[in-house]
Amino acid sequence: MKDMDNIPALMAEIGQRAKAASAILGSTPAAQRRAALEAAAKHVQAGRADILAANAQDMAYGRDKGLTDAMMDRLLLTDDRIDAIAGGLRAVAAQADPVGEVIAEWTQPSGLHIQRVRTPLGVIGVIYESRPNVTADAGALCLKAGNAVILRGGSESFHSSAALHGCLVQGLRDADLPEDAIQLVPTRDRGAVSEMLTMTDTIDVIVPRGGKGLVGLVQREARVPVFAHLEGIVHIYVDAAADPEKVLRVVLNAKTRRTGICGAAECLLIHRDIALTVGRGLLQALMDAGVEVRADETLSAVEGTRAATEEDWGQEYLDMIIAARTVADVDEAMAHIRKHGSNHTDCILTEDEQTATRFLTELDSAILMHNASTQFADGGEFGMGAEIGIATGKMHARGPVGAAQLTSFKYLVKGEGTVRG
């Protein structure tokens, strides 16, 4: 029985067990890891009633905490979402196995034959907030890449995450893989997060998924390397040469489809030449859909908007709110994004290919889009089956982090008694 009061000891034990499991996983056959994920998907489907019951407990907890509607939506599991979780597990299982993939190979004049080969990172710590599906996505992707993983879900999703974790563990058991390969921290105590950030002996990398509070904690305290998943301060620039029909369709989807995900649009930049024509119609359509528009001085002429403040630029609302301002051209739009963005996802709507090319080339966000909804900023939509997060840093992994991004590499060097002169 674990001592839940002694958090350092609890986390040290979890770390050691994960490290031992990772040593086994790195050399397991791809078919065995695939079988574990396929079995886990079956257990998710079979355990639907238990998962929904656990989620009902979490939803009650969330209501008592006064979570916003957007956060409650992130927390909610439905039959369709459970089907999607199972489908995500199967999709990851079906992907080509990254472990052992030869990335490059060549022969030197010395006669040495050299291969650069993908290898697991080892033990990955994933710290996330309310979305319980991350439990399945992160567990699956880490296992696919031959890694052990320590999952620390948010307090809001405590029961849902535990139910999904149980399905993953059953899958490991069915495939005769170590159950410690996917562990869930069994406490809501925030001290567990602080411990994970300093477990340099057992955790190889931390992946945080959450808001400002979590990201700030990780940036202050982490001694373990981090794949930064910062806020999704997502901008859409509506150019003077944009197609009005595409503008309406894309922006409404980008803002309203799901407001609580990191790919949801948070700020509109509208070319001044169309501000009170196409822009007016767009803002009216957003307000008709229930979105609160916080507008600059020019766009405040549109009835129903409210005046934006300086704090509205660079804000991640994760709610039915959007900021909107006019810009003189693509240069001013890009300058605004560089100042207020988070290097996550940004989009341009235009039929001018030259302007689009400049936007895509000169900005440095992890994901840049042209005439497409920012809600596509998702590993599943990129063909990765699922993602562990959107990395906004520039080291090692960037953009959607799938199984391949959860590997490193090593060099295999072969000779024939070759010596160096």
Protein backbone atom coordinates (compact mmCIF):
# COMPACT_ATOMS: atom_id res chain seq x y z
CA MET A 1 0.00 0.00 0.00
CA LYS A 2 1.44 3.37 -1.04
CA ASP A 3 1.93 6.04 1.63
CA MET A 4 -0.09 8.90 0.16
CA ASP A 5 1.12 11.31 2.84
CA ASN A 6 4.79 10.94 1.96
CA ILE A 7 4.77 12.48 -1.52
CA PRO A 8 8.57 12.45 -2.08
CA ALA A 9 8.76 8.74 -1.25
CA LEU A 10 5.67 7.99 -3.36
CA MET A 11 7.07 9.77 -6.41
CA ALA A 12 10.55 8.27 -5.96
CA GLU A 13 9.02 4.78 -5.99
CA ILE A 14 6.94 5.58 -9.10
CA GLY A 15 10.04 6.96 -10.81
CA GLN A 16 12.16 3.90 -10.06
CA ARG A 17 9.44 1.56 -11.29
CA ALA A 18 9.07 3.60 -14.49
CA LYS A 19 12.80 3.51 -15.10
CA ALA A 20 12.88 -0.27 -14.68
CA ALA A 21 9.96 -0.63 -17.08
CA SER A 22 11.60 1.63 -19.66
CA ALA A 23 14.68 -0.61 -19.72
CA ILE A 24 12.43 -3.48 -20.81
CA LEU A 25 10.28 -1.51 -23.25
CA GLY A 26 13.16 -0.26 -25.35
CA SER A 27 13.82 -3.77 -26.70
CA THR A 28 10.27 -5.14 -26.90
CA PRO A 29 8.93 -6.14 -30.33
CA ALA A 30 6.75 -3.57 -32.08
CA ALA A 31 3.96 -6.15 -32.36
CA GLN A 32 3.81 -6.51 -28.58
CA ARG A 33 3.37 -2.78 -28.00
CA ARG A 34 0.80 -2.64 -30.78
CA ALA A 35 -1.13 -5.51 -29.19
CA ALA A 36 -1.19 -3.67 -25.84
CA LEU A 37 -2.76 -0.60 -27.45
CA GLU A 38 -5.32 -2.62 -29.40
CA ALA A 39 -6.28 -4.45 -26.22
CA ALA A 40 -6.53 -1.15 -24.32
CA ALA A 41 -8.95 0.16 -26.98
CA LYS A 42 -11.17 -2.88 -26.44
CA HIS A 43 -11.11 -2.34 -22.68
CA VAL A 44 -12.12 1.32 -23.15
CA GLN A 45 -15.14 0.23 -25.18
CA ALA A 46 -16.01 -2.54 -22.74
CA GLY A 47 -15.55 -0.26 -19.74
CA ARG A 48 -17.74 2.54 -21.12
CA ALA A 49 -20.25 2.47 -18.26
CA ASP A 50 -17.53 2.65 -15.61
CA ILE A 51 -15.73 5.46 -17.44
CA LEU A 52 -18.93 7.51 -17.75
CA ALA A 53 -19.73 6.93 -14.06
CA ALA A 54 -16.24 8.11 -13.10
CA ASN A 55 -16.64 11.14 -15.35
CA ALA A 56 -19.96 11.99 -13.67
CA GLN A 57 -18.05 12.23 -10.37
CA ASP A 58 -15.54 14.58 -11.96
CA MET A 59 -18.26 16.72 -13.53
CA ALA A 60 -19.89 17.13 -10.11
CA TYR A 61 -16.51 18.08 -8.65
CA GLY A 62 -16.01 20.60 -11.46
CA ARG A 63 -19.41 22.19 -10.90
CA ASP A 64 -18.66 22.51 -7.18
CA LYS A 65 -15.37 24.23 -8.06
CA GLY A 66 -17.19 26.66 -10.35
CA LEU A 67 -15.36 25.69 -13.55
CA THR A 68 -16.27 27.69 -16.65
CA ASP A 69 -18.46 26.16 -19.34
CA ALA A 70 -15.41 25.79 -21.58
CA MET A 71 -13.48 23.95 -18.87
CA MET A 72 -16.47 21.73 -18.15
CA ASP A 73 -16.59 20.88 -21.85
CA ARG A 74 -12.91 19.90 -21.74
CA LEU A 75 -13.70 17.64 -18.79
CA LEU A 76 -16.85 16.02 -20.20
CA LEU A 77 -16.80 12.49 -21.62
CA THR A 78 -19.66 11.25 -23.81
CA ASP A 79 -20.26 8.09 -25.80
CA ASP A 80 -18.85 9.80 -28.88
CA ARG A 81 -15.76 10.98 -27.02
CA ILE A 82 -15.16 7.52 -25.59
CA ASP A 83 -15.44 6.12 -29.12
CA ALA A 84 -12.89 8.74 -30.20
CA ILE A 85 -10.52 7.74 -27.38
CA ALA A 86 -10.72 4.09 -28.42
CA GLY A 87 -10.27 5.11 -32.05
CA GLY A 88 -7.21 7.16 -31.11
CA LEU A 89 -5.66 4.16 -29.37
CA ARG A 90 -6.23 2.03 -32.46
CA ALA A 91 -4.85 4.73 -34.74
CA VAL A 92 -1.64 4.99 -32.71
CA ALA A 93 -1.38 1.20 -32.63
CA ALA A 94 -1.65 1.05 -36.42
CA GLN A 95 1.10 3.58 -37.06
CA ALA A 96 4.54 2.57 -38.24
CA ASP A 97 6.72 1.84 -35.24
CA PRO A 98 9.36 4.55 -34.78
CA VAL A 99 11.72 2.53 -32.57
CA GLY A 100 14.69 1.25 -34.54
CA GLU A 101 13.84 3.27 -37.65
CA VAL A 102 16.98 4.11 -39.61
CA ILE A 103 16.84 7.87 -40.10
CA ALA A 104 20.03 8.04 -42.15
CA GLU A 105 22.95 5.82 -43.07
CA TRP A 106 26.21 6.25 -44.90
CA THR A 107 29.69 4.79 -45.33
CA GLN A 108 32.78 6.83 -44.55
CA PRO A 109 36.03 6.72 -46.58
CA SER A 110 37.51 4.94 -43.56
CA GLY A 111 35.20 2.01 -44.28
CA LEU A 112 32.95 2.63 -41.27
CA HIS A 113 29.23 2.11 -41.95
CA ILE A 114 27.16 4.47 -39.80
CA GLN A 115 23.42 4.45 -39.09
CA ARG A 116 21.40 7.03 -37.19
CA VAL A 117 18.59 5.05 -35.53
CA ARG A 118 15.54 6.15 -33.53
CA THR A 119 15.58 5.13 -29.88
CA PRO A 120 13.15 5.78 -26.98
CA LEU A 121 13.70 8.80 -24.75
CA GLY A 122 13.24 6.65 -21.64
CA VAL A 123 10.77 7.91 -19.02
CA ILE A 124 8.40 10.76 -19.87
CA GLY A 125 6.47 12.73 -17.28
CA VAL A 126 3.20 14.25 -18.52
CA ILE A 127 1.51 16.90 -16.39
CA TYR A 128 -1.91 17.96 -17.65
CA GLU A 129 -5.09 19.60 -16.52
CA SER A 130 -8.75 18.83 -17.05
CA ARG A 131 -8.94 16.83 -20.30
CA PRO A 132 -9.16 13.13 -19.35
CA ASN A 133 -8.56 11.95 -22.93
CA VAL A 134 -4.92 13.07 -22.52
CA THR A 135 -4.51 10.05 -20.22
CA ALA A 136 -5.13 7.70 -23.15
CA ASP A 137 -3.37 9.79 -25.80
CA ALA A 138 -0.21 10.33 -23.77
CA GLY A 139 -0.07 6.77 -22.50
CA ALA A 140 -0.49 5.39 -26.02
CA LEU A 141 2.06 7.63 -27.70
CA CYS A 142 4.71 7.07 -25.05
CA LEU A 143 4.23 3.31 -25.23
CA LYS A 144 4.29 3.33 -29.05
CA ALA A 145 7.69 5.04 -28.91
CA GLY A 146 9.03 2.53 -26.39
CA ASN A 147 8.91 4.89 -23.41
CA ALA A 148 7.58 4.47 -19.90
CA VAL A 149 5.33 7.32 -18.80
CA ILE A 150 4.26 8.89 -15.51
CA LEU A 151 0.91 10.65 -15.91
CA ARG A 152 -0.19 13.37 -13.52
CA GLY A 153 -3.69 14.48 -14.49
CA GLY A 154 -5.57 17.44 -13.13
CA SER A 155 -7.56 17.23 -9.92
CA GLU A 156 -10.75 17.84 -11.91
CA SER A 157 -10.28 14.70 -14.06
CA PHE A 158 -9.06 12.48 -11.21
CA HIS A 159 -11.68 9.72 -11.50
CA SER A 160 -11.99 9.78 -15.31
CA SER A 161 -8.22 9.55 -15.72
CA ALA A 162 -8.07 6.64 -13.28
CA ALA A 163 -10.76 4.75 -15.21
CA LEU A 164 -8.96 5.27 -18.53
CA HIS A 165 -5.61 4.41 -16.96
CA GLY A 166 -7.08 1.12 -15.78
CA CYS A 167 -7.89 0.25 -19.41
CA LEU A 168 -4.32 0.99 -20.46
CA VAL A 169 -2.93 -1.19 -17.68
CA GLN A 170 -5.23 -4.05 -18.71
CA GLY A 171 -3.88 -3.70 -22.24
CA LEU A 172 -0.30 -3.93 -20.96
CA ARG A 173 -1.22 -6.99 -18.94
CA ASP A 174 -2.86 -8.66 -21.94
CA ALA A 175 0.29 -8.09 -24.02
CA ASP A 176 2.60 -9.31 -21.25
CA LEU A 177 4.29 -5.93 -20.90
CA PRO A 178 5.28 -4.37 -17.54
CA GLU A 179 2.30 -2.64 -15.95
CA ASP A 180 4.66 0.04 -14.63
CA ALA A 181 5.17 1.22 -18.22
CA ILE A 182 2.14 3.51 -17.80
CA GLN A 183 1.63 4.87 -14.29
CA LEU A 184 -0.87 7.42 -13.05
CA VAL A 185 0.04 9.50 -10.00
CA PRO A 186 -2.62 8.37 -7.49
CA THR A 187 -3.06 11.65 -5.60
CA ARG A 188 -4.44 15.13 -6.17
CA ASP A 189 -1.67 16.57 -3.96
CA ARG A 190 0.11 19.35 -5.88
CA GLY A 191 3.35 18.33 -4.24
CA ALA A 192 3.51 15.45 -6.73
CA VAL A 193 3.95 17.95 -9.57
CA SER A 194 6.83 19.70 -7.83
CA GLU A 195 8.49 16.34 -7.20
CA MET A 196 8.20 15.32 -10.86
CA LEU A 197 9.91 18.52 -11.98
CA THR A 198 13.06 17.61 -10.00
CA MET A 199 13.25 13.84 -10.65
CA THR A 200 16.35 14.06 -12.83
CA ASP A 201 17.48 10.54 -11.91
CA THR A 202 14.37 8.84 -13.26
CA ILE A 203 12.47 11.20 -15.64
CA ASP A 204 14.07 12.11 -18.97
CA VAL A 205 11.64 14.81 -20.12
CA ILE A 206 8.53 16.59 -18.84
CA VAL A 207 5.57 17.48 -21.09
CA PRO A 208 3.21 20.04 -19.49
CA ARG A 209 -0.28 20.65 -20.88
CA GLY A 210 -2.19 23.41 -19.18
CA GLY A 211 -2.76 27.07 -18.51
CA LYS A 212 -0.60 29.89 -17.21
CA GLY A 213 -0.44 28.57 -13.65
CA LEU A 214 0.93 25.17 -14.63
CA VAL A 215 3.27 26.56 -17.27
CA GLY A 216 4.61 29.15 -14.81
CA LEU A 217 5.26 26.47 -12.19
CA VAL A 218 7.12 24.32 -14.72
CA GLN A 219 9.22 27.24 -15.95
CA ARG A 220 10.19 28.21 -12.39
CA GLU A 221 10.89 24.81 -10.91
CA ALA A 222 11.77 22.28 -13.62
CA ARG A 223 15.21 20.71 -13.46
CA VAL A 224 14.14 17.95 -15.86
CA PRO A 225 14.20 18.98 -19.57
CA VAL A 226 10.80 20.25 -20.78
CA PHE A 227 8.86 20.09 -24.06
CA ALA A 228 7.18 23.47 -23.64
CA HIS A 229 3.46 23.50 -24.35
CA LEU A 230 2.63 27.15 -23.80
CA GLU A 231 -0.67 28.94 -24.17
CA GLY A 232 -2.58 28.84 -27.43
CA ILE A 233 -2.84 32.57 -28.10
CA VAL A 234 -4.09 31.93 -31.63
CA HIS A 235 -4.41 34.77 -34.16
CA ILE A 236 -6.24 34.93 -37.47
CA TYR A 237 -5.30 37.71 -39.88
CA VAL A 238 -8.06 38.58 -42.35
CA ASP A 239 -6.34 40.17 -45.34
CA ALA A 240 -7.90 42.68 -47.74
CA ALA A 241 -7.74 39.99 -50.43
CA ALA A 242 -9.60 37.40 -48.33
CA ASP A 243 -12.63 35.55 -49.72
CA PRO A 244 -15.59 36.72 -47.55
CA GLU A 245 -17.28 33.31 -47.68
CA LYS A 246 -14.11 31.52 -46.52
CA VAL A 247 -13.60 34.16 -43.83
CA LEU A 248 -17.03 33.56 -42.34
CA ARG A 249 -16.78 29.78 -42.48
CA VAL A 250 -13.22 29.51 -41.14
CA VAL A 251 -13.41 32.09 -38.35
CA LEU A 252 -16.72 30.82 -36.96
CA ASN A 253 -15.33 27.29 -36.85
CA ALA A 254 -11.98 28.42 -35.41
CA LYS A 255 -13.68 30.27 -32.56
CA THR A 256 -16.87 28.37 -31.77
CA ARG A 257 -16.39 24.68 -32.62
CA ARG A 258 -14.70 24.08 -29.25
CA THR A 259 -13.63 27.16 -27.35
CA GLY A 260 -11.69 25.30 -24.65
CA ILE A 261 -8.96 23.76 -26.83
CA CYS A 262 -5.56 25.30 -27.51
CA GLY A 263 -6.28 25.70 -31.25
CA ALA A 264 -9.30 27.94 -30.70
CA ALA A 265 -8.93 31.42 -32.23
CA GLU A 266 -8.48 34.16 -29.61
CA CYS A 267 -7.66 37.29 -31.64
CA LEU A 268 -8.81 38.61 -35.03
CA LEU A 269 -6.62 41.02 -36.99
CA ILE A 270 -8.63 42.61 -39.80
CA HIS A 271 -7.18 44.67 -42.65
CA ARG A 272 -8.40 48.25 -42.30
CA ASP A 273 -9.68 48.38 -45.91
CA ILE A 274 -12.35 45.76 -45.13
CA ALA A 275 -12.85 46.50 -41.44
CA LEU A 276 -16.35 47.89 -41.76
CA THR A 277 -17.48 45.71 -44.68
CA VAL A 278 -16.32 42.10 -44.45
CA GLY A 279 -15.14 42.76 -40.89
CA ARG A 280 -18.50 44.14 -39.77
CA GLY A 281 -20.32 41.11 -41.15
CA LEU A 282 -17.86 38.76 -39.52
CA LEU A 283 -18.15 40.37 -36.08
CA GLN A 284 -21.94 40.37 -36.35
CA ALA A 285 -21.92 36.66 -37.23
CA LEU A 286 -19.68 35.92 -34.24
CA MET A 287 -21.97 37.84 -31.90
CA ASP A 288 -25.02 36.09 -33.38
CA ALA A 289 -23.29 32.82 -32.48
CA GLY A 290 -22.93 33.98 -28.86
CA VAL A 291 -19.34 35.25 -28.97
CA GLU A 292 -18.41 38.39 -27.01
CA VAL A 293 -16.28 40.60 -29.28
CA ARG A 294 -13.77 42.93 -27.62
CA ALA A 295 -12.96 45.44 -30.33
CA ASP A 296 -10.47 48.24 -30.94
CA GLU A 297 -11.59 51.81 -31.58
CA THR A 298 -12.37 51.29 -35.29
CA LEU A 299 -14.29 48.03 -34.87
CA SER A 300 -16.16 49.36 -31.85
CA ALA A 301 -18.34 51.07 -34.45
CA VAL A 302 -19.97 47.67 -34.94
CA GLU A 303 -23.03 47.61 -32.69
CA GLY A 304 -22.89 45.02 -29.92
CA THR A 305 -19.13 44.92 -29.47
CA ARG A 306 -17.43 46.08 -26.29
CA ALA A 307 -14.26 48.10 -26.13
CA ALA A 308 -11.03 46.12 -25.86
CA THR A 309 -8.40 47.01 -23.28
CA GLU A 310 -4.65 46.52 -23.55
CA GLU A 311 -5.04 43.28 -21.56
CA ASP A 312 -7.14 41.77 -24.33
CA TRP A 313 -4.14 41.54 -26.66
CA GLY A 314 -2.26 38.34 -25.89
CA GLN A 315 -5.11 36.77 -23.96
CA GLU A 316 -6.05 33.09 -24.08
CA TYR A 317 -9.76 33.18 -23.25
CA LEU A 318 -10.68 29.51 -23.81
CA ASP A 319 -14.24 30.82 -23.84
CA MET A 320 -16.80 32.46 -26.13
CA ILE A 321 -14.76 35.68 -26.25
CA ILE A 322 -12.54 37.03 -29.01
CA ALA A 323 -10.43 40.18 -29.34
CA ALA A 324 -10.49 42.07 -32.64
CA ARG A 325 -8.42 44.93 -34.03
CA THR A 326 -7.64 46.55 -37.35
CA VAL A 327 -4.19 46.51 -38.93
CA ALA A 328 -2.80 48.44 -41.88
CA ASP A 329 -1.33 45.42 -43.69
CA VAL A 330 0.30 42.02 -43.25
CA ASP A 331 3.41 43.64 -41.74
CA GLU A 332 1.41 45.19 -38.91
CA ALA A 333 -0.44 41.90 -38.42
CA MET A 334 2.83 39.99 -38.11
CA ALA A 335 4.26 42.61 -35.74
CA HIS A 336 1.19 42.22 -33.49
CA ILE A 337 1.52 38.43 -33.52
CA ARG A 338 5.23 38.59 -32.67
CA LYS A 339 4.47 40.87 -29.73
CA HIS A 340 1.36 39.19 -28.35
CA GLY A 341 1.40 35.61 -29.66
CA SER A 342 2.66 32.43 -28.05
CA ASN A 343 4.28 30.77 -31.10
CA HIS A 344 1.53 28.14 -31.08
CA THR A 345 -0.77 28.50 -34.12
CA ASP A 346 -1.52 31.49 -36.35
CA CYS A 347 -3.51 31.78 -39.57
CA ILE A 348 -3.90 34.05 -42.59
CA LEU A 349 -7.05 34.28 -44.69
CA THR A 350 -6.25 35.62 -48.14
CA GLU A 351 -6.42 34.80 -51.84
CA ASP A 352 -3.14 36.66 -52.44
CA GLU A 353 -0.51 33.91 -52.64
CA GLN A 354 2.39 36.35 -52.28
CA THR A 355 0.98 37.76 -49.03
CA ALA A 356 0.25 34.26 -47.75
CA THR A 357 3.81 33.16 -48.54
CA ARG A 358 5.23 36.09 -46.60
CA PHE A 359 3.04 35.26 -43.59
CA LEU A 360 4.02 31.57 -43.64
CA THR A 361 7.70 32.31 -44.21
CA GLU A 362 8.34 35.27 -41.93
CA LEU A 363 6.42 34.21 -38.83
CA ASP A 364 7.91 31.57 -36.57
CA SER A 365 4.94 29.91 -34.87
CA ALA A 366 5.00 26.13 -34.47
CA ILE A 367 1.96 25.89 -36.79
CA LEU A 368 1.08 28.39 -39.51
CA MET A 369 -2.09 28.06 -41.57
CA HIS A 370 -3.51 29.54 -44.76
CA ASN A 371 -7.27 29.52 -45.35
CA ALA A 372 -7.91 26.77 -42.79
CA SER A 373 -9.48 26.65 -39.34
CA THR A 374 -7.01 26.74 -36.46
CA GLN A 375 -9.07 23.97 -34.84
CA PHE A 376 -7.00 21.64 -37.07
CA ALA A 377 -3.98 22.31 -34.79
CA ASP A 378 -4.11 18.77 -33.52
CA GLY A 379 -1.90 15.73 -33.92
CA GLY A 380 -4.82 13.53 -34.87
CA GLU A 381 -5.75 15.91 -37.68
CA PHE A 382 -2.11 15.87 -38.82
CA GLY A 383 -2.27 12.10 -39.28
CA MET A 384 -0.37 11.30 -36.07
CA GLY A 385 -3.27 9.35 -34.55
CA ALA A 386 -3.02 11.46 -31.41
CA GLU A 387 -0.67 13.93 -29.78
CA ILE A 388 0.84 14.45 -26.38
CA GLY A 389 0.74 18.22 -26.85
CA ILE A 390 1.72 21.09 -29.14
CA ALA A 391 5.33 21.99 -28.40
CA THR A 392 5.95 25.71 -28.84
CA GLY A 393 9.68 25.64 -28.11
CA LYS A 394 12.36 25.03 -30.73
CA MET A 395 14.46 22.28 -29.15
CA HIS A 396 13.95 18.64 -30.16
CA ALA A 397 10.18 18.63 -30.80
CA ARG A 398 7.95 21.34 -32.23
CA GLY A 399 4.27 21.45 -33.11
CA PRO A 400 2.13 18.34 -32.49
CA VAL A 401 4.19 15.83 -30.51
CA GLY A 402 3.42 12.33 -31.75
CA ALA A 403 5.21 9.03 -31.29
CA ALA A 404 8.14 9.89 -33.58
CA GLN A 405 8.77 13.10 -31.64
CA LEU A 406 9.00 11.06 -28.43
CA THR A 407 12.20 9.41 -29.61
CA SER A 408 15.84 10.42 -29.70
CA PHE A 409 18.46 8.65 -31.77
CA LYS A 410 21.74 6.84 -31.45
CA TYR A 411 24.51 6.02 -33.91
CA LEU A 412 25.33 2.45 -34.84
CA VAL A 413 28.86 2.23 -36.23
CA LYS A 414 30.16 -0.95 -37.88
CA GLY A 415 33.64 -1.73 -39.16
CA GLU A 416 35.80 -4.67 -40.23
CA GLY A 417 38.55 -4.39 -37.64
CA THR A 418 38.80 -0.75 -38.77
CA VAL A 419 41.40 1.42 -37.00
CA ARG A 420 42.04 5.14 -37.15
CA GLY A 421 45.26 6.34 -38.72
